[in-house]
Protein backbone atom coordinates (compact mmCIF):
# COMPACT_ATOMS: atom_id res chain seq x y z
CA MET A 1 -8.38 23.80 20.81
CA PRO A 2 -11.23 21.39 19.43
CA THR A 3 -10.94 19.89 15.89
CA PRO A 4 -12.40 21.63 13.14
CA GLU A 5 -15.45 20.19 11.26
CA ILE A 6 -14.23 19.59 7.36
CA ASP A 7 -16.54 18.40 5.05
CA PRO A 8 -15.84 15.95 2.85
CA ALA A 9 -15.19 17.45 0.01
CA THR A 10 -12.46 20.03 1.48
CA ARG A 11 -11.01 17.05 4.11
CA THR A 12 -10.66 15.11 0.46
CA GLU A 13 -9.47 18.18 -0.65
CA LEU A 14 -7.32 18.43 2.46
CA GLU A 15 -5.84 14.88 1.87
CA ALA A 16 -5.67 14.58 -2.25
CA ALA A 17 -3.13 18.24 -1.13
CA ALA A 18 -0.69 16.43 2.20
CA PHE A 19 -0.57 12.76 -0.89
CA ARG A 20 0.94 15.76 -3.02
CA ARG A 21 2.68 17.75 -1.31
CA LEU A 22 4.66 13.63 -0.14
CA VAL A 23 4.91 12.91 -3.29
CA GLU A 24 6.72 16.23 -4.48
CA HIS A 25 8.79 15.92 -1.60
CA LEU A 26 9.87 11.65 -2.32
CA ARG A 27 11.10 12.72 -5.67
CA GLU A 28 13.06 15.69 -3.84
CA ARG A 29 14.73 13.36 -1.51
CA THR A 30 16.53 10.96 -4.42
CA ASP A 31 19.00 10.55 -1.69
CA VAL A 32 17.20 8.50 0.94
CA GLN A 33 16.31 5.21 -0.41
CA ASN A 34 13.87 2.82 -0.49
CA ILE A 35 15.16 0.28 1.76
CA ASP A 36 15.62 3.48 4.17
CA LEU A 37 12.09 3.90 4.19
CA MET A 38 10.86 0.43 4.75
CA ASN A 39 13.62 0.60 7.14
CA LEU A 40 12.48 3.36 9.77
CA ALA A 41 9.14 3.24 7.97
CA GLY A 42 7.72 0.49 6.88
CA PHE A 43 6.78 1.81 2.79
CA CYS A 44 8.44 3.17 0.31
CA ARG A 45 7.74 4.65 -2.93
CA ASN A 46 6.73 0.97 -4.64
CA CYS A 47 4.79 0.69 -1.95
CA LEU A 48 3.10 4.48 -2.33
CA SER A 49 2.41 3.43 -6.34
CA LYS A 50 0.44 -0.23 -5.10
CA TRP A 51 -1.55 1.54 -2.75
CA TYR A 52 -2.00 4.21 -6.14
CA ARG A 53 -2.96 1.50 -8.44
CA GLY A 54 -4.60 -0.13 -5.87
CA ALA A 55 -7.24 2.98 -4.88
CA ALA A 56 -7.40 3.64 -9.12
CA GLU A 57 -8.80 0.04 -9.94
CA GLU A 58 -10.70 0.32 -7.17
CA LYS A 59 -12.61 3.07 -8.82
CA GLY A 60 -12.52 0.77 -11.70
CA ILE A 61 -9.66 2.90 -13.69
CA PRO A 62 -6.57 0.22 -14.16
CA LEU A 63 -3.30 1.21 -14.00
CA ALA A 64 -0.07 -0.96 -15.20
CA ASP A 65 2.57 -1.29 -11.76
CA PRO A 66 4.40 0.62 -14.53
CA ASP A 67 2.10 3.72 -14.99
CA ALA A 68 1.23 3.89 -11.22
CA ARG A 69 5.49 3.82 -10.75
CA GLU A 70 6.12 6.65 -12.26
CA ILE A 71 3.26 8.72 -11.29
CA ILE A 72 4.89 8.28 -8.00
CA TYR A 73 8.58 8.47 -8.92
CA GLY A 74 7.93 11.43 -11.43
CA MET A 75 9.56 9.18 -14.43
CA PRO A 76 9.74 5.84 -15.29
CA TYR A 77 11.47 3.32 -12.09
CA LYS A 78 14.42 2.13 -14.57
CA GLU A 79 15.61 5.65 -15.06
CA TRP A 80 15.07 6.41 -11.49
CA GLN A 81 17.04 3.44 -10.19
CA ALA A 82 19.82 4.61 -12.44
CA LYS A 83 20.29 7.59 -11.41
CA HIS A 84 19.44 7.31 -8.05
CA GLN A 85 19.50 4.38 -6.59
CA LYS A 86 22.89 3.35 -4.40
CA GLU A 87 23.84 -0.82 -3.63
CA ALA A 88 22.14 -1.72 0.23
CA GLY A 89 24.80 -2.93 2.74
CA GLU A 90 24.32 -5.78 4.75
CA ALA A 91 23.27 -4.17 8.03
CA GLN A 92 20.38 -2.49 5.32
CA LYS A 93 19.51 -5.61 4.02
CA ALA A 94 19.79 -7.03 7.61
CA GLN A 95 17.37 -4.37 9.08
CA PHE A 96 14.85 -5.38 5.81
CA ALA A 97 14.67 -9.37 6.64
CA ALA A 98 14.30 -8.76 10.27
CA SER A 99 11.28 -6.34 9.54
CA ASN A 100 10.14 -6.52 6.98
CA PRO A 101 8.91 -10.67 5.85
CA GLY A 102 7.67 -11.73 3.26
CA HIS A 103 7.79 -8.05 1.62
CA GLY A 104 9.16 -7.96 -1.38
């Protein structure tokens, strides 16, 4: 079955809906740590917030890192860390270092 023709406005609406669902899913899955996401997928919630901030800046909308993170996390980043972040294990850290050199 061929891919249906989708006009640009509808495409943007669909992409926005998928993005909102991804963010909702990440907010619900607080058991999944950012280092797990980085090790498996090469991106995490912080990456997503940076991409969001970058898109805003491309549109001339200044957005500070803490504000972009709050949009993605649904709360201030420090609050999310205190509630949900666990210390990464040595194996996780080693995998991260090997698969994401220079990422920080």
